[in-house]
Structures are given as C-alpha cells and as structure tokens.
Amino acid sequence: MPVYWGILHCHVDGGLCHKQEPFTPAEMDEFATQVDQLYDFAIQDRQFDFLFYADHHNQGQMIALGDTPESPWHTILQKARERRMPGQFAALLGYEFQDGMEYNVYLHDTDQLPLAKTWPELIAQVEPGDPGILLAAHNRPAPTDWQFPPHPNFRLIEVLNDGSVFEHWANEGLQHGHR
C-alpha cells in the first residue's frame, strides 16, 4: 500500500480564521492570497501529495453562503480546481465543524455540503456509506464528545502527539464503540 504525504487540516492566518461575519472584498482578496500560499507551501515547498483545506464552517459565513461569489467557500472550490493535478496532487475539500466541540468534515466528489447546529444533527444528514463524505474527530482545543452513536463515515481521528493527552482522548472514543 503506498504512503501519501499531505495536510489533513489547515487554516488561514490571523483574524480571517475566526471571523464569522461575511468578508469584505478586501478580506476576500486576502483570504484568496492566503489559500494560494497554503497550496504553494504544500506543492512547491513540501512536494506533498494532497492538501485538505479545512477551515472553520462559520468563517465568513462560508458554508451558510455556499458556492456564491461572496463566500469563502466559492474561493476554496475555485482554488482547489486550479491546483488539482491528477496523478500528482490532490486538492481536497473539507471544513472544521464547531458546536462547542470540534469535528472535521471531508468531502470528495460530492455536491452535498452538510451543515447543522449540532454534530448529531449534522451526522444525521450523512447517508451511511456515502463515499463522498468522511467524518473525523478533531483534537483541540475542544476534543470530541464521544457520546454520539457510531457512524460508518466517522473513520478518521486527527491525533496530535502531545504528551499522551490525545492518546487517552482517542482511547475514550474506542471505548464508546467508535471504530
């Protein structure tokens, strides 16, 4: 089995990362520049195989505005299309969902963009086995609440080696039946 190198989760810098109001035109330009810089880092500097751009779902009303010119999501889609190089580099889509806890939603070849107020509501929208949506646990600053029922698309855990703190957290997930 080949090993692929890449980034599973990244954000833009500064105030844009956590800004929940719609972006101004100047902020959209800065956002686009920063996304290009992330792709340049992944492709040119590190020569990675893939990058999942996965910023906060409420950033600039990103998911709520959908694929419209005033939405960061529109820019993310456009940049991913520009940077895809079949057989060389995969520019993939996703977002970090926050409801007091944090999770990642990864998308592949799907038009579905699940969004809800809570994680249980969001995963209820995801058809079990849908190959276009992968759900994942995010590790900080608010680790996953493992009380939700296991879902077959919840197949990835973002683990950060930080003095075994996250090993304990991941083991909690296993104890709650998430495999």
Foldseek 3Di string as FASTA:
>chain_A
DDDFDEAPEDAFDDPQLPDQAADDPVVLVVLLVRVVVVLCCGCPVVQGAEYEYATACRRNVAPVVPCDPRHNVVSLVVVQVVRDDPPRHHYWYWYWYDQPFIKIKTFDPDPDDFDDNDPLVRVVPDDAPPPGIAIEWEPDDHGDDLPHQAGNRHDYYDADPDPCPVVVVVVVNVVSPHD
